[in-house]
Amino acid sequence: MARQKVQLQDLFAVVGLDTSVIIDLMMLSAAKEFFEEKIYLFEENLLFTHRMCLAEGLGLLIGNYGFSKEEARKKIQAFLEEFKITILELDENLEEDQKYVFVIGKKYGWSGDQIINDAIIIASFWRKGINMVVVRDRVFEMVCTELKINVLSFPLF
């Protein structure tokens, strides 16, 4: 009998978090409660984000919430440690995947500067085998759905 290779994502929800979700989880207690009750249900739930999401989040904490750069970094680090989140780094080997994701996004109406960041983030999630993303961006959701990545639309709080 041949052995079947079992992937980690076949056993657990491997979840990617986008920037807006990360900011809500750090800044809004209702968002954090929702996340803990509905998404982060067990220790084995593997959470990932991308270095680019953290850079965007740093900018938002400083620009929109009045944090100093040091305070924002500490807030992000504490959040990453609390939920045991793994950071995906920029990967130059994903250039073809990013182009493919970009073409899908354009089909759904991507425009503006943000699309390059989103293409990098989604390509990284896709290549890593993330099987669910938590996001609040309709085009991001549609691109992930086309790539067969499950989507959980995060509500507004």
C-alpha atoms as a PDB file:
ATOM      1  CA  MET A   1       0.000   0.000   0.000  1.00  0.00           C
ATOM      2  CA  ALA A   2       1.449   3.376  -1.041  1.00  0.00           C
ATOM      3  CA  ARG A   3       1.843   6.033   1.623  1.00  0.00           C
ATOM      4  CA  GLN A   4       0.126   9.324   1.079  1.00  0.00           C
ATOM      5  CA  LYS A   5       2.054  12.458   1.979  1.00  0.00           C
ATOM      6  CA  VAL A   6       0.119  14.545   4.487  1.00  0.00           C
ATOM      7  CA  GLN A   7       0.662  18.284   4.445  1.00  0.00           C
ATOM      8  CA  LEU A   8       0.401  20.414   7.586  1.00  0.00           C
ATOM      9  CA  GLN A   9      -2.391  22.439   5.982  1.00  0.00           C
ATOM     10  CA  ASP A  10      -4.386  19.204   5.577  1.00  0.00           C
ATOM     11  CA  LEU A  11      -4.468  18.797   9.350  1.00  0.00           C
ATOM     12  CA  PHE A  12      -4.872  22.354  10.604  1.00  0.00           C
ATOM     13  CA  ALA A  13      -6.273  25.685   9.535  1.00  0.00           C
ATOM     14  CA  VAL A  14      -3.233  27.590   8.341  1.00  0.00           C
ATOM     15  CA  VAL A  15      -4.455  31.177   8.547  1.00  0.00           C
ATOM     16  CA  GLY A  16      -3.085  34.357   6.995  1.00  0.00           C
ATOM     17  CA  LEU A  17      -3.921  37.738   8.527  1.00  0.00           C
ATOM     18  CA  ASP A  18      -4.074  40.929   6.471  1.00  0.00           C
ATOM     19  CA  THR A  19      -3.174  44.416   7.715  1.00  0.00           C
ATOM     20  CA  SER A  20      -6.657  45.751   8.525  1.00  0.00           C
ATOM     21  CA  VAL A  21      -7.415  42.672  10.622  1.00  0.00           C
ATOM     22  CA  ILE A  22      -4.133  43.004  12.521  1.00  0.00           C
ATOM     23  CA  ILE A  23      -4.830  46.659  13.317  1.00  0.00           C
ATOM     24  CA  ASP A  24      -8.359  45.864  14.523  1.00  0.00           C
ATOM     25  CA  LEU A  25      -7.078  43.026  16.715  1.00  0.00           C
ATOM     26  CA  MET A  26      -4.519  45.317  18.333  1.00  0.00           C
ATOM     27  CA  MET A  27      -6.772  48.348  18.754  1.00  0.00           C
ATOM     28  CA  LEU A  28     -10.358  47.100  19.255  1.00  0.00           C
ATOM     29  CA  SER A  29     -11.305  44.804  22.113  1.00  0.00           C
ATOM     30  CA  ALA A  30     -14.515  43.722  20.315  1.00  0.00           C
ATOM     31  CA  ALA A  31     -12.467  42.599  17.304  1.00  0.00           C
ATOM     32  CA  LYS A  32     -10.072  40.674  19.525  1.00  0.00           C
ATOM     33  CA  GLU A  33     -12.966  38.976  21.359  1.00  0.00           C
ATOM     34  CA  PHE A  34     -14.581  38.004  18.040  1.00  0.00           C
ATOM     35  CA  PHE A  35     -11.273  36.635  16.767  1.00  0.00           C
ATOM     36  CA  GLU A  36     -10.658  34.593  19.910  1.00  0.00           C
ATOM     37  CA  GLU A  37     -14.195  33.154  19.874  1.00  0.00           C
ATOM     38  CA  LYS A  38     -14.634  32.487  16.148  1.00  0.00           C
ATOM     39  CA  ILE A  39     -11.202  32.051  14.572  1.00  0.00           C
ATOM     40  CA  TYR A  40      -8.437  31.375  17.084  1.00  0.00           C
ATOM     41  CA  LEU A  41     -10.171  28.334  18.501  1.00  0.00           C
ATOM     42  CA  PHE A  42      -7.261  26.121  19.445  1.00  0.00           C
ATOM     43  CA  GLU A  43      -3.531  26.355  20.032  1.00  0.00           C
ATOM     44  CA  GLU A  44      -2.710  24.376  16.892  1.00  0.00           C
ATOM     45  CA  ASN A  45      -4.275  27.020  14.675  1.00  0.00           C
ATOM     46  CA  LEU A  46      -1.272  28.268  12.750  1.00  0.00           C
ATOM     47  CA  LEU A  47      -1.279  32.018  12.151  1.00  0.00           C
ATOM     48  CA  PHE A  48       0.816  33.847   9.574  1.00  0.00           C
ATOM     49  CA  THR A  49       1.164  37.361   8.328  1.00  0.00           C
ATOM     50  CA  HIS A  50       3.513  39.006   5.911  1.00  0.00           C
ATOM     51  CA  ARG A  51       6.359  41.410   6.699  1.00  0.00           C
ATOM     52  CA  MET A  52       4.633  43.880   4.366  1.00  0.00           C
ATOM     53  CA  CYS A  53       1.439  43.749   6.488  1.00  0.00           C
ATOM     54  CA  LEU A  54       3.505  44.629   9.540  1.00  0.00           C
ATOM     55  CA  ALA A  55       5.149  47.555   7.738  1.00  0.00           C
ATOM     56  CA  GLU A  56       1.718  48.828   6.695  1.00  0.00           C
ATOM     57  CA  GLY A  57       0.464  48.310  10.253  1.00  0.00           C
ATOM     58  CA  LEU A  58       3.410  50.225  11.687  1.00  0.00           C
ATOM     59  CA  GLY A  59       2.566  53.152   9.431  1.00  0.00           C
ATOM     60  CA  LEU A  60      -1.097  53.044  10.449  1.00  0.00           C
ATOM     61  CA  LEU A  61      -0.318  52.920  14.169  1.00  0.00           C
ATOM     62  CA  ILE A  62       1.946  55.950  13.807  1.00  0.00           C
ATOM     63  CA  GLY A  63      -0.156  57.936  11.329  1.00  0.00           C
ATOM     64  CA  ASN A  64      -3.714  57.118  12.426  1.00  0.00           C
ATOM     65  CA  TYR A  65      -3.349  56.287  16.099  1.00  0.00           C
ATOM     66  CA  GLY A  66      -0.553  58.644  17.207  1.00  0.00           C
ATOM     67  CA  PHE A  67       1.946  56.012  18.341  1.00  0.00           C
ATOM     68  CA  SER A  68       5.641  56.787  18.282  1.00  0.00           C
ATOM     69  CA  LYS A  69       7.693  54.445  16.102  1.00  0.00           C
ATOM     70  CA  GLU A  70       9.022  52.641  19.189  1.00  0.00           C
ATOM     71  CA  GLU A  71       5.551  52.306  20.771  1.00  0.00           C
ATOM     72  CA  ALA A  72       4.144  50.956  17.502  1.00  0.00           C
ATOM     73  CA  ARG A  73       6.941  48.384  17.185  1.00  0.00           C
ATOM     74  CA  LYS A  74       6.374  47.206  20.756  1.00  0.00           C
ATOM     75  CA  LYS A  75       2.606  46.954  20.169  1.00  0.00           C
ATOM     76  CA  ILE A  76       3.146  44.854  17.046  1.00  0.00           C
ATOM     77  CA  GLN A  77       5.734  42.621  18.732  1.00  0.00           C
ATOM     78  CA  ALA A  78       3.442  41.981  21.713  1.00  0.00           C
ATOM     79  CA  PHE A  79       0.608  41.094  19.316  1.00  0.00           C
ATOM     80  CA  LEU A  80       2.797  38.679  17.350  1.00  0.00           C
ATOM     81  CA  GLU A  81       3.924  36.969  20.541  1.00  0.00           C
ATOM     82  CA  GLU A  82       0.427  36.779  22.051  1.00  0.00           C
ATOM     83  CA  PHE A  83      -0.984  34.866  19.078  1.00  0.00           C
ATOM     84  CA  LYS A  84       2.244  33.077  18.094  1.00  0.00           C
ATOM     85  CA  ILE A  85       2.153  34.555  14.601  1.00  0.00           C
ATOM     86  CA  THR A  86       4.789  33.583  12.051  1.00  0.00           C
ATOM     87  CA  ILE A  87       6.038  36.302   9.722  1.00  0.00           C
ATOM     88  CA  LEU A  88       6.473  35.558   6.030  1.00  0.00           C
ATOM     89  CA  GLU A  89       9.377  37.512   4.563  1.00  0.00           C
ATOM     90  CA  LEU A  90       9.717  39.073   1.124  1.00  0.00           C
ATOM     91  CA  ASP A  91      10.776  36.388  -1.338  1.00  0.00           C
ATOM     92  CA  GLU A  92      12.280  37.337  -4.685  1.00  0.00           C
ATOM     93  CA  ASN A  93      11.609  33.791  -5.927  1.00  0.00           C
ATOM     94  CA  LEU A  94       7.877  34.562  -5.996  1.00  0.00           C
ATOM     95  CA  GLU A  95       8.060  37.089  -8.833  1.00  0.00           C
ATOM     96  CA  GLU A  96       6.138  34.883 -11.299  1.00  0.00           C
ATOM     97  CA  ASP A  97       3.499  34.094  -8.658  1.00  0.00           C
ATOM     98  CA  GLN A  98       3.145  37.814  -7.912  1.00  0.00           C
ATOM     99  CA  LYS A  99       2.606  38.557 -11.611  1.00  0.00           C
ATOM    100  CA  TYR A 100      -0.030  35.826 -11.795  1.00  0.00           C
ATOM    101  CA  VAL A 101      -1.810  37.169  -8.697  1.00  0.00           C
ATOM    102  CA  PHE A 102      -1.582  40.700 -10.107  1.00  0.00           C
ATOM    103  CA  VAL A 103      -3.344  39.608 -13.334  1.00  0.00           C
ATOM    104  CA  ILE A 104      -6.147  38.015 -11.299  1.00  0.00           C
ATOM    105  CA  GLY A 105      -6.489  41.151  -9.185  1.00  0.00           C
ATOM    106  CA  LYS A 106      -6.705  43.406 -12.242  1.00  0.00           C
ATOM    107  CA  LYS A 107      -9.566  41.232 -13.488  1.00  0.00           C
ATOM    108  CA  TYR A 108     -11.469  42.088 -10.288  1.00  0.00           C
ATOM    109  CA  GLY A 109     -10.683  45.793 -10.400  1.00  0.00           C
ATOM    110  CA  TRP A 110      -7.418  46.289  -8.558  1.00  0.00           C
ATOM    111  CA  SER A 111      -6.031  49.767  -9.012  1.00  0.00           C
ATOM    112  CA  GLY A 112      -3.693  52.165  -7.235  1.00  0.00           C
ATOM    113  CA  ASP A 113      -0.451  51.641  -5.350  1.00  0.00           C
ATOM    114  CA  GLN A 114      -1.858  49.157  -2.843  1.00  0.00           C
ATOM    115  CA  ILE A 115      -2.255  46.438  -5.464  1.00  0.00           C
ATOM    116  CA  ILE A 116       1.471  45.719  -5.630  1.00  0.00           C
ATOM    117  CA  ASN A 117       1.602  45.099  -1.872  1.00  0.00           C
ATOM    118  CA  ASP A 118      -1.530  42.953  -1.991  1.00  0.00           C
ATOM    119  CA  ALA A 119      -0.147  40.889  -4.884  1.00  0.00           C
ATOM    120  CA  ILE A 120       3.043  40.225  -2.908  1.00  0.00           C
ATOM    121  CA  ILE A 121       1.092  39.292   0.236  1.00  0.00           C
ATOM    122  CA  ILE A 122      -1.359  36.998  -1.551  1.00  0.00           C
ATOM    123  CA  ALA A 123       1.391  35.317  -3.619  1.00  0.00           C
ATOM    124  CA  SER A 124       3.311  34.630  -0.404  1.00  0.00           C
ATOM    125  CA  PHE A 125       0.222  33.211   1.340  1.00  0.00           C
ATOM    126  CA  TRP A 126      -0.560  31.063  -1.704  1.00  0.00           C
ATOM    127  CA  ARG A 127       2.980  29.710  -2.062  1.00  0.00           C
ATOM    128  CA  LYS A 128       3.223  28.991   1.681  1.00  0.00           C
ATOM    129  CA  GLY A 129       0.060  26.879   1.514  1.00  0.00           C
ATOM    130  CA  ILE A 130      -2.076  29.175   3.645  1.00  0.00           C
ATOM    131  CA  ASN A 131      -5.540  27.645   3.388  1.00  0.00           C
ATOM    132  CA  MET A 132      -7.538  30.500   4.900  1.00  0.00           C
ATOM    133  CA  VAL A 133      -7.136  34.270   4.965  1.00  0.00           C
ATOM    134  CA  VAL A 134      -8.847  36.675   7.308  1.00  0.00           C
ATOM    135  CA  VAL A 135      -9.348  39.953   5.480  1.00  0.00           C
ATOM    136  CA  ARG A 136     -11.691  42.885   4.964  1.00  0.00           C
ATOM    137  CA  ASP A 137     -11.013  43.777   1.333  1.00  0.00           C
ATOM    138  CA  ARG A 138     -13.405  42.522  -1.350  1.00  0.00           C
ATOM    139  CA  VAL A 139     -10.902  42.289  -4.217  1.00  0.00           C
ATOM    140  CA  PHE A 140      -8.341  40.620  -1.936  1.00  0.00           C
ATOM    141  CA  GLU A 141     -11.076  38.088  -1.090  1.00  0.00           C
ATOM    142  CA  MET A 142     -11.956  37.421  -4.742  1.00  0.00           C
ATOM    143  CA  VAL A 143      -8.309  36.913  -5.720  1.00  0.00           C
ATOM    144  CA  CYS A 144      -7.803  34.469  -2.838  1.00  0.00           C
ATOM    145  CA  THR A 145     -10.987  32.618  -3.745  1.00  0.00           C
ATOM    146  CA  GLU A 146      -9.800  32.179  -7.334  1.00  0.00           C
ATOM    147  CA  LEU A 147      -6.522  30.786  -5.950  1.00  0.00           C
ATOM    148  CA  LYS A 148      -8.553  28.296  -3.872  1.00  0.00           C
ATOM    149  CA  ILE A 149      -7.651  29.997  -0.581  1.00  0.00           C
ATOM    150  CA  ASN A 150     -10.632  30.058   1.782  1.00  0.00           C
ATOM    151  CA  VAL A 151     -11.682  33.512   2.932  1.00  0.00           C
ATOM    152  CA  LEU A 152     -13.125  34.693   6.206  1.00  0.00           C
ATOM    153  CA  SER A 153     -14.465  38.229   5.809  1.00  0.00           C
ATOM    154  CA  PHE A 154     -13.632  40.096   8.995  1.00  0.00           C
ATOM    155  CA  PRO A 155     -16.511  42.326  10.151  1.00  0.00           C
ATOM    156  CA  LEU A 156     -16.283  46.015  10.977  1.00  0.00           C
ATOM    157  CA  PHE A 157     -16.244  46.844  14.665  1.00  0.00           C
END
